């Protein structure tokens, strides 16, 4: 399990991506995310080069599986990566990429409902402020 505290952006800042554990594989992950001091929601995360878009720099993007009523730019985003869904790959079309994203979301929901993963939703990490960083947590 990997845990990060960052300030929200569409992509994680390069400084977070550059400090990922050396053994972390590129691909699609699932886990839990919390914006500010709000509720904890399911999330899917892509770590890699996004081959469909032919990126030349590794990126890390989080999709929180929740509809927010307003923007939350400038808020702290805390995430816990719980598991791995699949390796990254390129797609023939935008439609096939979108279909894979929907499939990843459904797979994440199914896995996060398992008791051993669901319990992490209540982890103390999500109630830790940026000023109270615990060992193993990254902050920007």
Protein backbone atom coordinates (compact mmCIF):
# COMPACT_ATOMS: atom_id res chain seq x y z
CA UNK A 1 0.00 0.00 0.00
CA UNK A 2 1.29 3.46 -0.92
CA UNK A 3 -0.07 6.67 0.62
CA UNK A 4 0.38 10.25 -0.56
CA UNK A 5 -0.79 13.68 0.49
CA UNK A 6 -0.69 16.26 -2.26
CA UNK A 7 -2.37 19.45 -3.33
CA UNK A 8 -5.02 18.71 -5.97
CA UNK A 9 -4.32 19.18 -9.63
CA UNK A 10 -5.42 17.31 -12.76
CA UNK A 11 -2.12 15.46 -12.62
CA UNK A 12 0.12 14.95 -9.65
CA UNK A 13 3.08 17.36 -9.63
CA UNK A 14 6.32 16.09 -11.18
CA UNK A 15 7.94 16.17 -7.74
CA UNK A 16 5.52 13.45 -6.53
CA UNK A 17 5.91 11.33 -9.67
CA UNK A 18 9.70 11.64 -9.50
CA UNK A 19 9.68 10.31 -5.92
CA UNK A 20 7.50 7.26 -6.49
CA UNK A 21 9.02 4.03 -5.19
CA UNK A 22 11.47 2.63 -7.75
CA UNK A 23 9.62 -0.69 -7.87
CA UNK A 24 6.17 0.73 -8.66
CA UNK A 25 4.95 -0.51 -12.05
CA UNK A 26 3.18 1.68 -14.58
CA UNK A 27 -0.49 0.92 -15.03
CA UNK A 28 -3.89 1.37 -13.46
CA UNK A 29 -4.31 1.23 -9.68
CA UNK A 30 -7.28 1.51 -7.35
CA UNK A 31 -7.73 2.81 -3.84
CA UNK A 32 -9.23 5.52 -1.69
CA UNK A 33 -9.10 9.32 -1.93
CA UNK A 34 -10.14 12.21 0.29
CA UNK A 35 -10.33 15.89 -0.64
CA UNK A 36 -9.50 18.19 2.28
CA UNK A 37 -11.24 16.91 5.40
CA UNK A 38 -14.15 15.51 3.39
CA UNK A 39 -15.47 12.04 2.88
CA UNK A 40 -13.30 9.21 1.58
CA UNK A 41 -14.23 7.96 -1.91
CA UNK A 42 -13.15 5.19 -4.23
CA UNK A 43 -10.55 6.17 -6.83
CA UNK A 44 -8.72 4.85 -9.87
CA UNK A 45 -5.21 6.08 -10.64
CA UNK A 46 -3.09 5.92 -13.77
CA UNK A 47 0.68 5.90 -13.38
CA UNK A 48 2.68 5.93 -16.58
CA UNK A 49 3.19 7.59 -19.93
CA UNK A 50 -0.42 7.44 -21.20
CA UNK A 51 0.55 5.84 -24.53
CA UNK A 52 -2.68 6.88 -26.28
CA UNK A 53 -1.63 10.51 -25.86
CA UNK A 54 2.05 9.71 -26.54
CA UNK A 55 3.29 11.49 -23.41
CA UNK A 56 7.06 11.68 -23.05
CA UNK A 57 7.02 12.22 -19.27
CA UNK A 58 5.62 9.82 -16.70
CA UNK A 59 2.47 11.13 -15.05
CA UNK A 60 0.16 10.17 -12.21
CA UNK A 61 -3.56 10.98 -12.49
CA UNK A 62 -6.36 10.27 -10.06
CA UNK A 63 -10.01 9.80 -10.95
CA UNK A 64 -12.16 10.04 -7.81
CA UNK A 65 -15.30 7.94 -8.26
CA UNK A 66 -17.67 10.59 -6.95
CA UNK A 67 -19.51 13.60 -8.34
CA UNK A 68 -18.54 16.78 -6.53
CA UNK A 69 -20.88 19.77 -6.40
CA UNK A 70 -18.06 22.27 -6.82
CA UNK A 71 -14.39 22.57 -7.79
CA UNK A 72 -11.83 21.85 -5.12
CA UNK A 73 -8.68 23.39 -6.56
CA UNK A 74 -6.20 24.31 -3.86
CA UNK A 75 -7.50 21.60 -1.51
CA UNK A 76 -5.32 18.79 -0.21
CA UNK A 77 -5.89 15.44 -1.90
CA UNK A 78 -4.96 12.37 0.14
CA UNK A 79 -4.85 9.00 -1.62
CA UNK A 80 -4.12 5.44 -0.61
CA UNK A 81 -3.21 3.05 -3.40
CA UNK A 82 -4.63 -0.34 -2.45
CA UNK A 83 -4.01 -2.51 -5.50
CA UNK A 84 -3.18 -2.92 -9.17
CA UNK A 85 -5.73 -3.49 -11.94
CA UNK A 86 -3.70 -3.77 -15.15
CA UNK A 87 -0.64 -2.53 -17.03
CA UNK A 88 -0.92 0.61 -19.12
CA UNK A 89 -1.50 0.15 -22.83
CA UNK A 90 -2.26 2.12 -25.94
CA UNK A 91 -5.69 2.13 -27.55
CA UNK A 92 -6.85 2.19 -31.18
CA UNK A 93 -9.41 4.91 -30.50
CA UNK A 94 -10.69 7.30 -27.89
CA UNK A 95 -13.82 5.16 -27.59
CA UNK A 96 -11.76 2.09 -26.66
CA UNK A 97 -9.82 4.18 -24.10
CA UNK A 98 -13.10 5.40 -22.57
CA UNK A 99 -14.45 1.82 -22.46
CA UNK A 100 -11.28 0.69 -20.63
CA UNK A 101 -11.63 3.54 -18.13
CA UNK A 102 -15.22 2.49 -17.39
CA UNK A 103 -14.11 -1.12 -17.00
CA UNK A 104 -11.31 -0.05 -14.63
CA UNK A 105 -13.79 1.93 -12.53
CA UNK A 106 -16.13 -1.05 -12.22
CA UNK A 107 -13.22 -3.34 -11.31
CA UNK A 108 -12.04 -0.86 -8.67
CA UNK A 109 -15.52 -0.66 -7.14
CA UNK A 110 -15.75 -4.46 -6.97
CA UNK A 111 -12.33 -4.87 -5.36
CA UNK A 112 -12.76 -2.00 -2.90
CA UNK A 113 -15.92 -3.65 -1.57
CA UNK A 114 -13.81 -6.58 -0.34
CA UNK A 115 -13.53 -6.39 3.47
CA UNK A 116 -9.71 -6.26 3.48
CA UNK A 117 -9.79 -3.21 1.18
CA UNK A 118 -12.94 -1.54 2.48
CA UNK A 119 -11.47 -1.22 5.99
CA UNK A 120 -8.71 1.06 4.62
CA UNK A 121 -11.39 3.69 3.93
CA UNK A 122 -11.35 4.38 7.69
CA UNK A 123 -7.55 4.54 8.01
CA UNK A 124 -6.13 7.24 10.31
CA UNK A 125 -4.20 8.53 7.28
CA UNK A 126 -7.34 10.26 6.03
CA UNK A 127 -7.70 12.18 9.31
CA UNK A 128 -4.06 13.28 9.41
CA UNK A 129 -3.43 16.93 8.61
CA UNK A 130 -0.52 18.08 6.47
CA UNK A 131 1.14 19.31 9.69
CA UNK A 132 0.88 15.82 11.19
CA UNK A 133 2.50 13.75 8.45
CA UNK A 134 3.19 10.21 9.57
CA UNK A 135 6.07 7.98 8.38
CA UNK A 136 5.59 6.86 4.81
CA UNK A 137 3.46 9.81 3.75
CA UNK A 138 4.67 12.30 1.17
CA UNK A 139 3.77 15.96 1.27
CA UNK A 140 4.28 18.90 -1.07
